[in-house]
């Protein structure tokens, strides 16, 4: 089984990015996308997958995949390992500065090759 994401807005194209066996619940993995961007992939402890932009908008570093997962008000987030800002995994909105957000990629689990 693998994780696929859609990174081209408006297109119904899915790109396989990671075997699910490489994902550890509660930890992130970075994936390089065909357009050169990076995605941070996460699997929560309930088995739900998320993908957001890996670039921390506060520092410019590609590090969000190394952040810590948590939840606030029932919303899953990842905290940047550098300055600790929290990003909602469903909306991409920064929970500490609402004027900042990261891209969110639709994801799905697939058994097709």
PDB file of N, CA and C in Angstrom:
ATOM      1  N   UNK A   1       0.853  -1.171   0.000  1.00  0.00           N
ATOM      2  CA  UNK A   1       0.000   0.000   0.000  1.00  0.00           C
ATOM      3  C   UNK A   1       0.901   1.236   0.000  1.00  0.00           C
ATOM      4  N   UNK A   2       0.456   2.270  -0.690  1.00  0.00           N
ATOM      5  CA  UNK A   2       1.240   3.493  -0.711  1.00  0.00           C
ATOM      6  C   UNK A   2       0.357   4.725  -0.567  1.00  0.00           C
ATOM      7  N   UNK A   3       1.024   5.815  -0.226  1.00  0.00           N
ATOM      8  CA  UNK A   3       0.364   7.105  -0.055  1.00  0.00           C
ATOM      9  C   UNK A   3       0.507   7.883  -1.356  1.00  0.00           C
ATOM     10  N   UNK A   4      -0.595   8.432  -1.832  1.00  0.00           N
ATOM     11  CA  UNK A   4      -0.583   9.275  -3.027  1.00  0.00           C
ATOM     12  C   UNK A   4      -1.061  10.661  -2.636  1.00  0.00           C
ATOM     13  N   UNK A   5      -0.552  11.662  -3.333  1.00  0.00           N
ATOM     14  CA  UNK A   5      -1.068  13.010  -3.103  1.00  0.00           C
ATOM     15  C   UNK A   5      -1.279  13.721  -4.411  1.00  0.00           C
ATOM     16  N   UNK A   6      -2.167  14.701  -4.360  1.00  0.00           N
ATOM     17  CA  UNK A   6      -2.472  15.544  -5.507  1.00  0.00           C
ATOM     18  C   UNK A   6      -1.834  16.899  -5.230  1.00  0.00           C
ATOM     19  N   UNK A   7      -0.899  17.299  -6.078  1.00  0.00           N
ATOM     20  CA  UNK A   7      -0.174  18.546  -5.838  1.00  0.00           C
ATOM     21  C   UNK A   7      -0.402  19.581  -6.924  1.00  0.00           C
ATOM     22  N   UNK A   8      -1.185  19.253  -7.924  1.00  0.00           N
ATOM     23  CA  UNK A   8      -1.458  20.178  -9.018  1.00  0.00           C
ATOM     24  C   UNK A   8      -2.909  20.635  -8.905  1.00  0.00           C
ATOM     25  N   UNK A   9      -3.118  21.849  -8.400  1.00  0.00           N
ATOM     26  CA  UNK A   9      -4.472  22.374  -8.175  1.00  0.00           C
ATOM     27  C   UNK A   9      -5.315  22.271  -9.433  1.00  0.00           C
ATOM     28  N   UNK A  10      -6.510  21.762  -9.271  1.00  0.00           N
ATOM     29  CA  UNK A  10      -7.435  21.664 -10.389  1.00  0.00           C
ATOM     30  C   UNK A  10      -7.267  20.401 -11.217  1.00  0.00           C
ATOM     31  N   UNK A  11      -6.180  19.682 -11.025  1.00  0.00           N
ATOM     32  CA  UNK A  11      -5.957  18.457 -11.800  1.00  0.00           C
ATOM     33  C   UNK A  11      -6.379  17.252 -10.964  1.00  0.00           C
ATOM     34  N   UNK A  12      -6.842  16.227 -11.643  1.00  0.00           N
ATOM     35  CA  UNK A  12      -7.236  15.008 -10.946  1.00  0.00           C
ATOM     36  C   UNK A  12      -6.126  13.971 -11.098  1.00  0.00           C
ATOM     37  N   UNK A  13      -4.882  14.420 -10.890  1.00  0.00           N
ATOM     38  CA  UNK A  13      -3.727  13.534 -11.009  1.00  0.00           C
ATOM     39  C   UNK A  13      -3.184  13.223  -9.618  1.00  0.00           C
ATOM     40  N   UNK A  14      -2.951  11.967  -9.375  1.00  0.00           N
ATOM     41  CA  UNK A  14      -2.415  11.516  -8.086  1.00  0.00           C
ATOM     42  C   UNK A  14      -1.011  10.987  -8.295  1.00  0.00           C
ATOM     43  N   UNK A  15      -0.100  11.386  -7.426  1.00  0.00           N
ATOM     44  CA  UNK A  15       1.292  10.976  -7.508  1.00  0.00           C
ATOM     45  C   UNK A  15       1.633  10.080  -6.327  1.00  0.00           C
ATOM     46  N   UNK A  16       2.112   8.853  -6.582  1.00  0.00           N
ATOM     47  CA  UNK A  16       2.562   8.027  -5.464  1.00  0.00           C
ATOM     48  C   UNK A  16       3.827   8.644  -4.872  1.00  0.00           C
ATOM     49  N   UNK A  17       3.853   8.825  -3.550  1.00  0.00           N
ATOM     50  CA  UNK A  17       5.001   9.485  -2.929  1.00  0.00           C
ATOM     51  C   UNK A  17       5.707   8.655  -1.870  1.00  0.00           C
ATOM     52  N   UNK A  18       5.037   7.644  -1.319  1.00  0.00           N
ATOM     53  CA  UNK A  18       5.662   6.932  -0.208  1.00  0.00           C
ATOM     54  C   UNK A  18       4.928   5.624   0.063  1.00  0.00           C
ATOM     55  N   UNK A  19       5.686   4.560   0.291  1.00  0.00           N
ATOM     56  CA  UNK A  19       5.090   3.322   0.764  1.00  0.00           C
ATOM     57  C   UNK A  19       4.615   3.565   2.190  1.00  0.00           C
ATOM     58  N   UNK A  20       3.424   3.111   2.518  1.00  0.00           N
ATOM     59  CA  UNK A  20       2.909   3.349   3.869  1.00  0.00           C
ATOM     60  C   UNK A  20       3.777   2.676   4.933  1.00  0.00           C
ATOM     61  N   UNK A  21       4.507   1.652   4.568  1.00  0.00           N
ATOM     62  CA  UNK A  21       5.390   0.986   5.534  1.00  0.00           C
ATOM     63  C   UNK A  21       6.529   1.897   5.992  1.00  0.00           C
ATOM     64  N   UNK A  22       6.789   2.962   5.247  1.00  0.00           N
ATOM     65  CA  UNK A  22       7.842   3.919   5.625  1.00  0.00           C
ATOM     66  C   UNK A  22       7.340   4.984   6.596  1.00  0.00           C
ATOM     67  N   UNK A  23       6.026   4.997   6.821  1.00  0.00           N
ATOM     68  CA  UNK A  23       5.440   5.990   7.725  1.00  0.00           C
ATOM     69  C   UNK A  23       5.252   5.395   9.115  1.00  0.00           C
ATOM     70  N   UNK A  24       5.732   6.103  10.110  1.00  0.00           N
ATOM     71  CA  UNK A  24       5.558   5.715  11.501  1.00  0.00           C
ATOM     72  C   UNK A  24       4.529   6.656  12.109  1.00  0.00           C
ATOM     73  N   UNK A  25       3.452   6.121  12.679  1.00  0.00           N
ATOM     74  CA  UNK A  25       2.453   7.013  13.282  1.00  0.00           C
ATOM     75  C   UNK A  25       3.094   7.987  14.272  1.00  0.00           C
ATOM     76  N   UNK A  26       2.735   9.260  14.107  1.00  0.00           N
ATOM     77  CA  UNK A  26       3.250  10.293  14.991  1.00  0.00           C
ATOM     78  C   UNK A  26       4.550  10.925  14.528  1.00  0.00           C
ATOM     79  N   UNK A  27       5.116  10.446  13.418  1.00  0.00           N
ATOM     80  CA  UNK A  27       6.379  10.995  12.905  1.00  0.00           C
ATOM     81  C   UNK A  27       6.206  11.362  11.441  1.00  0.00           C
ATOM     82  N   UNK A  28       7.013  12.296  10.947  1.00  0.00           N
ATOM     83  CA  UNK A  28       6.899  12.756   9.572  1.00  0.00           C
ATOM     84  C   UNK A  28       7.989  12.225   8.665  1.00  0.00           C
ATOM     85  N   UNK A  29       7.719  12.319   7.357  1.00  0.00           N
ATOM     86  CA  UNK A  29       8.663  11.949   6.306  1.00  0.00           C
ATOM     87  C   UNK A  29       8.572  13.030   5.233  1.00  0.00           C
ATOM     88  N   UNK A  30       9.704  13.424   4.674  1.00  0.00           N
ATOM     89  CA  UNK A  30       9.714  14.398   3.584  1.00  0.00           C
ATOM     90  C   UNK A  30       9.705  13.673   2.244  1.00  0.00           C
ATOM     91  N   UNK A  31       9.023  14.259   1.265  1.00  0.00           N
ATOM     92  CA  UNK A  31       8.977  13.697  -0.088  1.00  0.00           C
ATOM     93  C   UNK A  31       9.203  14.814  -1.094  1.00  0.00           C
ATOM     94  N   UNK A  32      10.029  14.545  -2.083  1.00  0.00           N
ATOM     95  CA  UNK A  32      10.269  15.495  -3.166  1.00  0.00           C
ATOM     96  C   UNK A  32       9.206  15.283  -4.237  1.00  0.00           C
ATOM     97  N   UNK A  33       8.514  16.360  -4.619  1.00  0.00           N
ATOM     98  CA  UNK A  33       7.453  16.284  -5.618  1.00  0.00           C
ATOM     99  C   UNK A  33       8.021  16.538  -7.010  1.00  0.00           C
ATOM    100  N   UNK A  34       7.322  16.091  -8.056  1.00  0.00           N
ATOM    101  CA  UNK A  34       7.827  16.271  -9.419  1.00  0.00           C
ATOM    102  C   UNK A  34       8.101  17.723  -9.798  1.00  0.00           C
ATOM    103  N   UNK A  35       7.407  18.682  -9.180  1.00  0.00           N
ATOM    104  CA  UNK A  35       7.624  20.091  -9.520  1.00  0.00           C
ATOM    105  C   UNK A  35       8.754  20.731  -8.699  1.00  0.00           C
ATOM    106  N   UNK A  36       9.461  19.939  -7.876  1.00  0.00           N
ATOM    107  CA  UNK A  36      10.586  20.445  -7.102  1.00  0.00           C
ATOM    108  C   UNK A  36      10.249  20.862  -5.684  1.00  0.00           C
ATOM    109  N   UNK A  37       8.966  20.978  -5.373  1.00  0.00           N
ATOM    110  CA  UNK A  37       8.583  21.303  -3.993  1.00  0.00           C
ATOM    111  C   UNK A  37       8.749  20.065  -3.116  1.00  0.00           C
ATOM    112  N   UNK A  38       8.715  20.292  -1.801  1.00  0.00           N
ATOM    113  CA  UNK A  38       8.761  19.193  -0.855  1.00  0.00           C
ATOM    114  C   UNK A  38       7.459  19.143  -0.073  1.00  0.00           C
ATOM    115  N   UNK A  39       7.027  17.931   0.235  1.00  0.00           N
ATOM    116  CA  UNK A  39       5.846  17.726   1.078  1.00  0.00           C
ATOM    117  C   UNK A  39       6.288  17.030   2.355  1.00  0.00           C
ATOM    118  N   UNK A  40       5.638  17.369   3.445  1.00  0.00           N
ATOM    119  CA  UNK A  40       5.823  16.682   4.723  1.00  0.00           C
ATOM    120  C   UNK A  40       4.641  15.745   4.889  1.00  0.00           C
ATOM    121  N   UNK A  41       4.908  14.450   5.010  1.00  0.00           N
ATOM    122  CA  UNK A  41       3.870  13.431   5.101  1.00  0.00           C
ATOM    123  C   UNK A  41       3.773  12.940   6.532  1.00  0.00           C
ATOM    124  N   UNK A  42       2.540  12.759   6.999  1.00  0.00           N
ATOM    125  CA  UNK A  42       2.313  12.308   8.367  1.00  0.00           C
ATOM    126  C   UNK A  42       1.213  11.263   8.393  1.00  0.00           C
ATOM    127  N   UNK A  43       1.326  10.359   9.329  1.00  0.00           N
ATOM    128  CA  UNK A  43       0.291   9.375   9.614  1.00  0.00           C
ATOM    129  C   UNK A  43       0.035   9.487  11.112  1.00  0.00           C
ATOM    130  N   UNK A  44      -1.217   9.813  11.475  1.00  0.00           N
ATOM    131  CA  UNK A  44      -1.491   9.944  12.911  1.00  0.00           C
ATOM    132  C   UNK A  44      -1.702   8.555  13.519  1.00  0.00           C
ATOM    133  N   UNK A  45      -1.856   8.517  14.819  1.00  0.00           N
ATOM    134  CA  UNK A  45      -1.958   7.230  15.520  1.00  0.00           C
ATOM    135  C   UNK A  45      -3.250   6.478  15.181  1.00  0.00           C
ATOM    136  N   UNK A  46      -4.239   7.184  14.621  1.00  0.00           N
ATOM    137  CA  UNK A  46      -5.483   6.542  14.193  1.00  0.00           C
ATOM    138  C   UNK A  46      -5.388   6.045  12.751  1.00  0.00           C
ATOM    139  N   UNK A  47      -4.262   6.303  12.075  1.00  0.00           N
ATOM    140  CA  UNK A  47      -4.065   5.842  10.705  1.00  0.00           C
ATOM    141  C   UNK A  47      -4.460   6.830   9.633  1.00  0.00           C
ATOM    142  N   UNK A  48      -4.814   8.070  10.007  1.00  0.00           N
ATOM    143  CA  UNK A  48      -5.171   9.076   9.017  1.00  0.00           C
ATOM    144  C   UNK A  48      -3.903   9.751   8.491  1.00  0.00           C
ATOM    145  N   UNK A  49      -3.849   9.920   7.165  1.00  0.00           N
ATOM    146  CA  UNK A  49      -2.677  10.511   6.521  1.00  0.00           C
ATOM    147  C   UNK A  49      -2.900  12.002   6.231  1.00  0.00           C
ATOM    148  N   UNK A  50      -1.807  12.755   6.291  1.00  0.00           N
ATOM    149  CA  UNK A  50      -1.811  14.193   6.008  1.00  0.00           C
ATOM    150  C   UNK A  50      -0.581  14.531   5.187  1.00  0.00           C
ATOM    151  N   UNK A  51      -0.685  15.579   4.369  1.00  0.00           N
ATOM    152  CA  UNK A  51       0.468  16.085   3.630  1.00  0.00           C
ATOM    153  C   UNK A  51       0.368  17.603   3.564  1.00  0.00           C
ATOM    154  N   UNK A  52       1.440  18.263   4.002  1.00  0.00           N
ATOM    155  CA  UNK A  52       1.529  19.719   3.927  1.00  0.00           C
ATOM    156  C   UNK A  52       2.869  20.077   3.313  1.00  0.00           C
ATOM    157  N   UNK A  53       3.002  21.327   2.945  1.00  0.00           N
ATOM    158  CA  UNK A  53       4.273  21.825   2.444  1.00  0.00           C
ATOM    159  C   UNK A  53       5.338  21.636   3.531  1.00  0.00           C
ATOM    160  N   UNK A  54       6.527  21.216   3.147  1.00  0.00           N
ATOM    161  CA  UNK A  54       7.595  20.959   4.119  1.00  0.00           C
ATOM    162  C   UNK A  54       8.332  22.235   4.535  1.00  0.00           C
ATOM    163  N   UNK A  55       8.179  23.310   3.781  1.00  0.00           N
ATOM    164  CA  UNK A  55       8.915  24.555   4.037  1.00  0.00           C
ATOM    165  C   UNK A  55       8.285  25.345   5.182  1.00  0.00           C
ATOM    166  N   UNK A  56       9.078  25.613   6.208  1.00  0.00           N
ATOM    167  CA  UNK A  56       8.649  26.450   7.330  1.00  0.00           C
ATOM    168  C   UNK A  56       8.651  27.901   6.845  1.00  0.00           C
ATOM    169  N   UNK A  57       7.498  28.555   6.784  1.00  0.00           N
ATOM    170  CA  UNK A  57       7.452  29.912   6.242  1.00  0.00           C
ATOM    171  C   UNK A  57       8.163  30.950   7.123  1.00  0.00           C
ATOM    172  N   UNK A  58       8.428  30.628   8.358  1.00  0.00           N
ATOM    173  CA  UNK A  58       9.104  31.577   9.241  1.00  0.00           C
ATOM    174  C   UNK A  58      10.616  31.576   9.048  1.00  0.00           C
ATOM    175  N   UNK A  59      11.184  30.438   8.640  1.00  0.00           N
ATOM    176  CA  UNK A  59      12.639  30.344   8.485  1.00  0.00           C
ATOM    177  C   UNK A  59      13.078  30.040   7.054  1.00  0.00           C
ATOM    178  N   UNK A  60      12.166  29.507   6.241  1.00  0.00           N
ATOM    179  CA  UNK A  60      12.514  29.098   4.881  1.00  0.00           C
ATOM    180  C   UNK A  60      13.138  27.711   4.816  1.00  0.00           C
ATOM    181  N   UNK A  61      13.358  27.079   5.952  1.00  0.00           N
ATOM    182  CA  UNK A  61      13.976  25.751   5.991  1.00  0.00           C
ATOM    183  C   UNK A  61      12.943  24.658   5.711  1.00  0.00           C
ATOM    184  N   UNK A  62      13.389  23.609   5.048  1.00  0.00           N
ATOM    185  CA  UNK A  62      12.534  22.462   4.719  1.00  0.00           C
ATOM    186  C   UNK A  62      12.550  21.481   5.899  1.00  0.00           C
ATOM    187  N   UNK A  63      11.792  21.787   6.955  1.00  0.00           N
ATOM    188  CA  UNK A  63      11.913  21.026   8.199  1.00  0.00           C
ATOM    189  C   UNK A  63      10.603  20.570   8.828  1.00  0.00           C
ATOM    190  N   UNK A  64       9.452  20.933   8.287  1.00  0.00           N
ATOM    191  CA  UNK A  64       8.202  20.603   8.971  1.00  0.00           C
ATOM    192  C   UNK A  64       8.008  19.099   9.135  1.00  0.00           C
ATOM    193  N   UNK A  65       8.579  18.295   8.244  1.00  0.00           N
ATOM    194  CA  UNK A  65       8.459  16.835   8.373  1.00  0.00           C
ATOM    195  C   UNK A  65       9.149  16.324   9.635  1.00  0.00           C
ATOM    196  N   UNK A  66      10.011  17.122  10.222  1.00  0.00           N
ATOM    197  CA  UNK A  66      10.731  16.721  11.443  1.00  0.00           C
ATOM    198  C   UNK A  66      10.061  17.248  12.713  1.00  0.00           C
ATOM    199  N   UNK A  67       8.917  17.894  12.550  1.00  0.00           N
ATOM    200  CA  UNK A  67       8.220  18.472  13.696  1.00  0.00           C
ATOM    201  C   UNK A  67       7.485  17.436  14.522  1.00  0.00           C
ATOM    202  N   UNK A  68       6.993  17.896  15.666  1.00  0.00           N
ATOM    203  CA  UNK A  68       6.240  17.047  16.580  1.00  0.00           C
ATOM    204  C   UNK A  68       4.751  17.183  16.325  1.00  0.00           C
ATOM    205  N   UNK A  69       4.036  16.060  16.297  1.00  0.00           N
ATOM    206  CA  UNK A  69       2.590  16.083  16.105  1.00  0.00           C
ATOM    207  C   UNK A  69       1.886  16.274  17.439  1.00  0.00           C
ATOM    208  N   UNK A  70       0.745  16.935  17.375  1.00  0.00           N
ATOM    209  CA  UNK A  70      -0.082  17.137  18.553  1.00  0.00           C
ATOM    210  C   UNK A  70      -1.474  17.501  18.119  1.00  0.00           C
ATOM    211  N   UNK A  71      -2.301  17.928  19.069  1.00  0.00           N
ATOM    212  CA  UNK A  71      -3.634  18.411  18.726  1.00  0.00           C
ATOM    213  C   UNK A  71      -3.998  19.546  19.672  1.00  0.00           C
ATOM    214  N   UNK A  72      -4.767  20.475  19.149  1.00  0.00           N
ATOM    215  CA  UNK A  72      -5.254  21.621  19.924  1.00  0.00           C
ATOM    216  C   UNK A  72      -6.708  21.818  19.556  1.00  0.00           C
ATOM    217  N   UNK A  73      -7.582  21.767  20.538  1.00  0.00           N
ATOM    218  CA  UNK A  73      -9.007  21.912  20.263  1.00  0.00           C
ATOM    219  C   UNK A  73      -9.521  20.853  19.309  1.00  0.00           C
ATOM    220  N   UNK A  74      -8.943  19.654  19.343  1.00  0.00           N
ATOM    221  CA  UNK A  74      -9.372  18.572  18.462  1.00  0.00           C
ATOM    222  C   UNK A  74      -8.795  18.647  17.067  1.00  0.00           C
ATOM    223  N   UNK A  75      -7.944  19.635  16.789  1.00  0.00           N
ATOM    224  CA  UNK A  75      -7.341  19.803  15.464  1.00  0.00           C
ATOM    225  C   UNK A  75      -5.911  19.271  15.481  1.00  0.00           C
ATOM    226  N   UNK A  76      -5.549  18.391  14.530  1.00  0.00           N
ATOM    227  CA  UNK A  76      -4.178  17.884  14.478  1.00  0.00           C
ATOM    228  C   UNK A  76      -3.230  18.968  13.967  1.00  0.00           C
ATOM    229  N   UNK A  77      -2.034  19.022  14.539  1.00  0.00           N
ATOM    230  CA  UNK A  77      -1.043  19.991  14.079  1.00  0.00           C
ATOM    231  C   UNK A  77       0.350  19.388  14.128  1.00  0.00           C
ATOM    232  N   UNK A  78       1.276  20.045  13.433  1.00  0.00           N
ATOM    233  CA  UNK A  78       2.696  19.752  13.559  1.00  0.00           C
ATOM    234  C   UNK A  78       3.361  21.036  14.040  1.00  0.00           C
ATOM    235  N   UNK A  79       4.257  20.911  15.013  1.00  0.00           N
ATOM    236  CA  UNK A  79       5.012  22.056  15.529  1.00  0.00           C
ATOM    237  C   UNK A  79       6.368  22.067  14.840  1.00  0.00           C
ATOM    238  N   UNK A  80       6.725  23.190  14.262  1.00  0.00           N
ATOM    239  CA  UNK A  80       8.014  23.319  13.597  1.00  0.00           C
ATOM    240  C   UNK A  80       9.137  23.013  14.586  1.00  0.00           C
ATOM    241  N   UNK A  81      10.147  22.246  14.161  1.00  0.00           N
ATOM    242  CA  UNK A  81      11.246  21.936  15.073  1.00  0.00           C
ATOM    243  C   UNK A  81      12.160  23.133  15.350  1.00  0.00           C
ATOM    244  N   UNK A  82      12.023  24.204  14.583  1.00  0.00           N
ATOM    245  CA  UNK A  82      12.908  25.353  14.774  1.00  0.00           C
ATOM    246  C   UNK A  82      12.337  26.379  15.740  1.00  0.00           C
ATOM    247  N   UNK A  83      11.256  27.040  15.356  1.00  0.00           N
ATOM    248  CA  UNK A  83      10.715  28.116  16.196  1.00  0.00           C
ATOM    249  C   UNK A  83       9.424  27.714  16.896  1.00  0.00           C
ATOM    250  N   UNK A  84       9.002  26.476  16.698  1.00  0.00           N
ATOM    251  CA  UNK A  84       7.865  25.858  17.399  1.00  0.00           C
ATOM    252  C   UNK A  84       6.475  26.350  16.995  1.00  0.00           C
ATOM    253  N   UNK A  85       6.343  27.109  15.899  1.00  0.00           N
ATOM    254  CA  UNK A  85       4.997  27.475  15.453  1.00  0.00           C
ATOM    255  C   UNK A  85       4.256  26.203  15.061  1.00  0.00           C
ATOM    256  N   UNK A  86       2.956  26.183  15.331  1.00  0.00           N
ATOM    257  CA  UNK A  86       2.119  25.014  15.068  1.00  0.00           C
ATOM    258  C   UNK A  86       1.294  25.237  13.804  1.00  0.00           C
ATOM    259  N   UNK A  87       1.280  24.229  12.927  1.00  0.00           N
ATOM    260  CA  UNK A  87       0.532  24.297  11.673  1.00  0.00           C
ATOM    261  C   UNK A  87      -0.535  23.215  11.657  1.00  0.00           C
ATOM    262  N   UNK A  88      -1.785  23.633  11.434  1.00  0.00           N
ATOM    263  CA  UNK A  88      -2.916  22.727  11.354  1.00  0.00           C
ATOM    264  C   UNK A  88      -2.708  21.804  10.149  1.00  0.00           C
ATOM    265  N   UNK A  89      -2.773  20.497  10.366  1.00  0.00           N
ATOM    266  CA  UNK A  89      -2.525  19.543   9.283  1.00  0.00           C
ATOM    267  C   UNK A  89      -3.675  19.448   8.294  1.00  0.00           C
ATOM    268  N   UNK A  90      -4.852  19.930   8.650  1.00  0.00           N
ATOM    269  CA  UNK A  90      -5.991  19.869   7.735  1.00  0.00           C
ATOM    270  C   UNK A  90      -6.143  21.141   6.908  1.00  0.00           C
ATOM    271  N   UNK A  91      -5.815  22.298   7.479  1.00  0.00           N
ATOM    272  CA  UNK A  91      -6.001  23.564   6.761  1.00  0.00           C
ATOM    273  C   UNK A  91      -4.690  24.242   6.368  1.00  0.00           C
ATOM    274  N   UNK A  92      -3.595  23.888   7.030  1.00  0.00           N
ATOM    275  CA  UNK A  92      -2.307  24.539   6.781  1.00  0.00           C
ATOM    276  C   UNK A  92      -2.117  25.832   7.549  1.00  0.00           C
ATOM    277  N   UNK A  93      -3.159  26.298   8.236  1.00  0.00           N
ATOM    278  CA  UNK A  93      -3.116  27.569   8.966  1.00  0.00           C
ATOM    279  C   UNK A  93      -2.181  27.464  10.165  1.00  0.00           C
ATOM    280  N   UNK A  94      -1.396  28.514  10.382  1.00  0.00           N
ATOM    281  CA  UNK A  94      -0.538  28.574  11.557  1.00  0.00           C
ATOM    282  C   UNK A  94      -1.414  28.917  12.757  1.00  0.00           C
ATOM    283  N   UNK A  95      -1.356  28.096  13.792  1.00  0.00           N
ATOM    284  CA  UNK A  95      -2.186  28.320  14.971  1.00  0.00           C
ATOM    285  C   UNK A  95      -1.643  29.451  15.844  1.00  0.00           C
ATOM    286  N   UNK A  96      -0.414  29.875  15.586  1.00  0.00           N
ATOM    287  CA  UNK A  96       0.218  30.915  16.394  1.00  0.00           C
ATOM    288  C   UNK A  96       0.259  32.266  15.699  1.00  0.00           C
ATOM    289  N   UNK A  97      -0.018  32.300  14.405  1.00  0.00           N
ATOM    290  CA  UNK A  97      -0.042  33.540  13.629  1.00  0.00           C
ATOM    291  C   UNK A  97      -0.969  33.305  12.446  1.00  0.00           C
ATOM    292  N   UNK A  98      -2.226  33.707  12.573  1.00  0.00           N
ATOM    293  CA  UNK A  98      -3.241  33.396  11.560  1.00  0.00           C
ATOM    294  C   UNK A  98      -2.995  34.043  10.204  1.00  0.00           C
ATOM    295  N   UNK A  99      -2.023  34.935  10.100  1.00  0.00           N
ATOM    296  CA  UNK A  99      -1.709  35.549   8.809  1.00  0.00           C
ATOM    297  C   UNK A  99      -0.775  34.664   7.976  1.00  0.00           C
ATOM    298  N   UNK A 100      -0.340  33.539   8.550  1.00  0.00           N
ATOM    299  CA  UNK A 100       0.618  32.643   7.886  1.00  0.00           C
ATOM    300  C   UNK A 100       0.000  31.268   7.711  1.00  0.00           C
ATOM    301  N   UNK A 101       0.292  30.629   6.586  1.00  0.00           N
ATOM    302  CA  UNK A 101      -0.167  29.256   6.364  1.00  0.00           C
ATOM    303  C   UNK A 101       0.790  28.550   5.414  1.00  0.00           C
ATOM    304  N   UNK A 102       0.648  27.242   5.332  1.00  0.00           N
ATOM    305  CA  UNK A 102       1.401  26.426   4.387  1.00  0.00           C
ATOM    306  C   UNK A 102       0.399  25.693   3.506  1.00  0.00           C
ATOM    307  N   UNK A 103       0.864  25.248   2.341  1.00  0.00           N
ATOM    308  CA  UNK A 103       0.002  24.500   1.426  1.00  0.00           C
ATOM    309  C   UNK A 103      -0.351  23.142   2.023  1.00  0.00           C
ATOM    310  N   UNK A 104      -1.568  22.707   1.754  1.00  0.00           N
ATOM    311  CA  UNK A 104      -2.047  21.381   2.152  1.00  0.00           C
ATOM    312  C   UNK A 104      -2.307  20.600   0.871  1.00  0.00           C
ATOM    313  N   UNK A 105      -1.883  19.350   0.854  1.00  0.00           N
ATOM    314  CA  UNK A 105      -2.084  18.491  -0.318  1.00  0.00           C
ATOM    315  C   UNK A 105      -3.113  17.412   0.008  1.00  0.00           C
ATOM    316  N   UNK A 106      -4.097  17.205  -0.869  1.00  0.00           N
ATOM    317  CA  UNK A 106      -5.028  16.086  -0.675  1.00  0.00           C
ATOM    318  C   UNK A 106      -4.239  14.773  -0.732  1.00  0.00           C
ATOM    319  N   UNK A 107      -4.579  13.823   0.136  1.00  0.00           N
ATOM    320  CA  UNK A 107      -3.887  12.538   0.176  1.00  0.00           C
ATOM    321  C   UNK A 107      -4.892  11.399   0.142  1.00  0.00           C
ATOM    322  N   UNK A 108      -4.401  10.256  -0.302  1.00  0.00           N
ATOM    323  CA  UNK A 108      -5.198   9.031  -0.244  1.00  0.00           C
ATOM    324  C   UNK A 108      -4.247   7.842  -0.158  1.00  0.00           C
ATOM    325  N   UNK A 109      -4.740   6.775   0.439  1.00  0.00           N
ATOM    326  CA  UNK A 109      -4.008   5.528   0.499  1.00  0.00           C
ATOM    327  C   UNK A 109      -4.461   4.681  -0.681  1.00  0.00           C
ATOM    328  N   UNK A 110      -3.523   4.035  -1.340  1.00  0.00           N
ATOM    329  CA  UNK A 110      -3.856   3.268  -2.535  1.00  0.00           C
ATOM    330  C   UNK A 110      -3.142   1.918  -2.527  1.00  0.00           C
ATOM    331  N   UNK A 111      -3.801   0.928  -3.086  1.00  0.00           N
ATOM    332  CA  UNK A 111      -3.184  -0.387  -3.227  1.00  0.00           C
ATOM    333  C   UNK A 111      -2.752  -0.630  -4.669  1.00  0.00           C
ATOM    334  N   UNK A 112      -3.125   0.260  -5.586  1.00  0.00           N
ATOM    335  CA  UNK A 112      -2.751   0.073  -6.989  1.00  0.00           C
ATOM    336  C   UNK A 112      -1.281   0.464  -7.179  1.00  0.00           C
ATOM    337  N   UNK A 113      -0.593  -0.204  -8.103  1.00  0.00           N
ATOM    338  CA  UNK A 113       0.824   0.084  -8.327  1.00  0.00           C
ATOM    339  C   UNK A 113       1.072   1.422  -8.970  1.00  0.00           C
TER     340      UNK A 113
END
